[in-house]
């Protein structure tokens, strides 16, 4: 349980440099997605993509 809390905290702290709206969207994700996320991919004129459990997951305005 402590490891899960640490992983969620690490995910949340990685968002500090993102725009507020993007932070809010990603902070609202369920802990199980945060824990399984290995990459947050930002590209110009492309959707925000998380790599979750090795698979891409697109993030929209309403979350994943």
C-alpha atoms as a PDB file:
ATOM      1  CA  UNK A   1       0.000   0.000   0.000  1.00  0.00           C
ATOM      2  CA  UNK A   2       2.855   2.392   0.797  1.00  0.00           C
ATOM      3  CA  UNK A   3       4.417   1.634  -2.598  1.00  0.00           C
ATOM      4  CA  UNK A   4       1.130   2.499  -4.324  1.00  0.00           C
ATOM      5  CA  UNK A   5       0.873   5.795  -2.441  1.00  0.00           C
ATOM      6  CA  UNK A   6       4.463   6.610  -3.395  1.00  0.00           C
ATOM      7  CA  UNK A   7       3.788   5.851  -7.074  1.00  0.00           C
ATOM      8  CA  UNK A   8       0.670   8.044  -7.068  1.00  0.00           C
ATOM      9  CA  UNK A   9       2.622  10.838  -5.363  1.00  0.00           C
ATOM     10  CA  UNK A  10       5.424  10.515  -7.943  1.00  0.00           C
ATOM     11  CA  UNK A  11       2.886  10.736 -10.787  1.00  0.00           C
ATOM     12  CA  UNK A  12       1.220  13.795  -9.258  1.00  0.00           C
ATOM     13  CA  UNK A  13       4.528  15.568  -8.633  1.00  0.00           C
ATOM     14  CA  UNK A  14       5.625  15.028 -12.254  1.00  0.00           C
ATOM     15  CA  UNK A  15       2.785  17.307 -13.405  1.00  0.00           C
ATOM     16  CA  UNK A  16       4.101  20.553 -11.877  1.00  0.00           C
ATOM     17  CA  UNK A  17       5.322  22.063 -15.169  1.00  0.00           C
ATOM     18  CA  UNK A  18       2.152  21.355 -17.149  1.00  0.00           C
ATOM     19  CA  UNK A  19      -0.610  23.900 -17.772  1.00  0.00           C
ATOM     20  CA  UNK A  20      -3.219  23.991 -14.981  1.00  0.00           C
ATOM     21  CA  UNK A  21      -6.034  22.489 -17.097  1.00  0.00           C
ATOM     22  CA  UNK A  22      -3.807  19.568 -18.081  1.00  0.00           C
ATOM     23  CA  UNK A  23      -2.743  19.103 -14.446  1.00  0.00           C
ATOM     24  CA  UNK A  24      -6.360  19.040 -13.287  1.00  0.00           C
ATOM     25  CA  UNK A  25      -7.273  16.444 -15.896  1.00  0.00           C
ATOM     26  CA  UNK A  26      -4.355  14.164 -14.999  1.00  0.00           C
ATOM     27  CA  UNK A  27      -4.735  14.624 -11.238  1.00  0.00           C
ATOM     28  CA  UNK A  28      -8.331  13.410 -11.516  1.00  0.00           C
ATOM     29  CA  UNK A  29      -7.266  10.041 -12.965  1.00  0.00           C
ATOM     30  CA  UNK A  30      -7.891   6.968 -10.825  1.00  0.00           C
ATOM     31  CA  UNK A  31      -4.915   5.778  -8.751  1.00  0.00           C
ATOM     32  CA  UNK A  32      -4.713   2.464 -10.661  1.00  0.00           C
ATOM     33  CA  UNK A  33      -4.036   4.377 -13.907  1.00  0.00           C
ATOM     34  CA  UNK A  34      -1.491   6.661 -12.237  1.00  0.00           C
ATOM     35  CA  UNK A  35       0.345   3.633 -10.809  1.00  0.00           C
ATOM     36  CA  UNK A  36       0.473   1.841 -14.168  1.00  0.00           C
ATOM     37  CA  UNK A  37       1.586   4.924 -16.170  1.00  0.00           C
ATOM     38  CA  UNK A  38       5.164   4.778 -17.392  1.00  0.00           C
ATOM     39  CA  UNK A  39       5.095   7.737 -19.790  1.00  0.00           C
ATOM     40  CA  UNK A  40       3.240  11.020 -20.323  1.00  0.00           C
ATOM     41  CA  UNK A  41       3.690  12.029 -23.948  1.00  0.00           C
ATOM     42  CA  UNK A  42       3.205  15.643 -25.045  1.00  0.00           C
ATOM     43  CA  UNK A  43       3.599  16.611 -28.692  1.00  0.00           C
ATOM     44  CA  UNK A  44       2.652  19.753 -30.565  1.00  0.00           C
ATOM     45  CA  UNK A  45      -0.758  19.519 -32.240  1.00  0.00           C
ATOM     46  CA  UNK A  46      -1.243  15.928 -31.017  1.00  0.00           C
ATOM     47  CA  UNK A  47      -3.387  14.496 -28.229  1.00  0.00           C
ATOM     48  CA  UNK A  48      -1.968  13.899 -24.765  1.00  0.00           C
ATOM     49  CA  UNK A  49      -1.055  10.210 -24.519  1.00  0.00           C
ATOM     50  CA  UNK A  50      -0.202   8.122 -21.481  1.00  0.00           C
ATOM     51  CA  UNK A  51       1.580   4.790 -21.722  1.00  0.00           C
ATOM     52  CA  UNK A  52      -0.327   2.633 -19.254  1.00  0.00           C
ATOM     53  CA  UNK A  53       0.757  -0.960 -18.796  1.00  0.00           C
ATOM     54  CA  UNK A  54       2.675  -0.738 -22.056  1.00  0.00           C
ATOM     55  CA  UNK A  55      -0.365   0.396 -24.092  1.00  0.00           C
ATOM     56  CA  UNK A  56      -1.168   3.928 -25.310  1.00  0.00           C
ATOM     57  CA  UNK A  57      -4.114   5.697 -23.669  1.00  0.00           C
ATOM     58  CA  UNK A  58      -5.403   8.945 -25.130  1.00  0.00           C
ATOM     59  CA  UNK A  59      -6.474  11.621 -22.677  1.00  0.00           C
ATOM     60  CA  UNK A  60      -9.267  14.008 -23.609  1.00  0.00           C
ATOM     61  CA  UNK A  61     -10.962  16.902 -21.819  1.00  0.00           C
ATOM     62  CA  UNK A  62     -12.998  14.472 -19.736  1.00  0.00           C
ATOM     63  CA  UNK A  63     -10.038  12.252 -18.835  1.00  0.00           C
ATOM     64  CA  UNK A  64      -9.255   8.809 -20.262  1.00  0.00           C
END
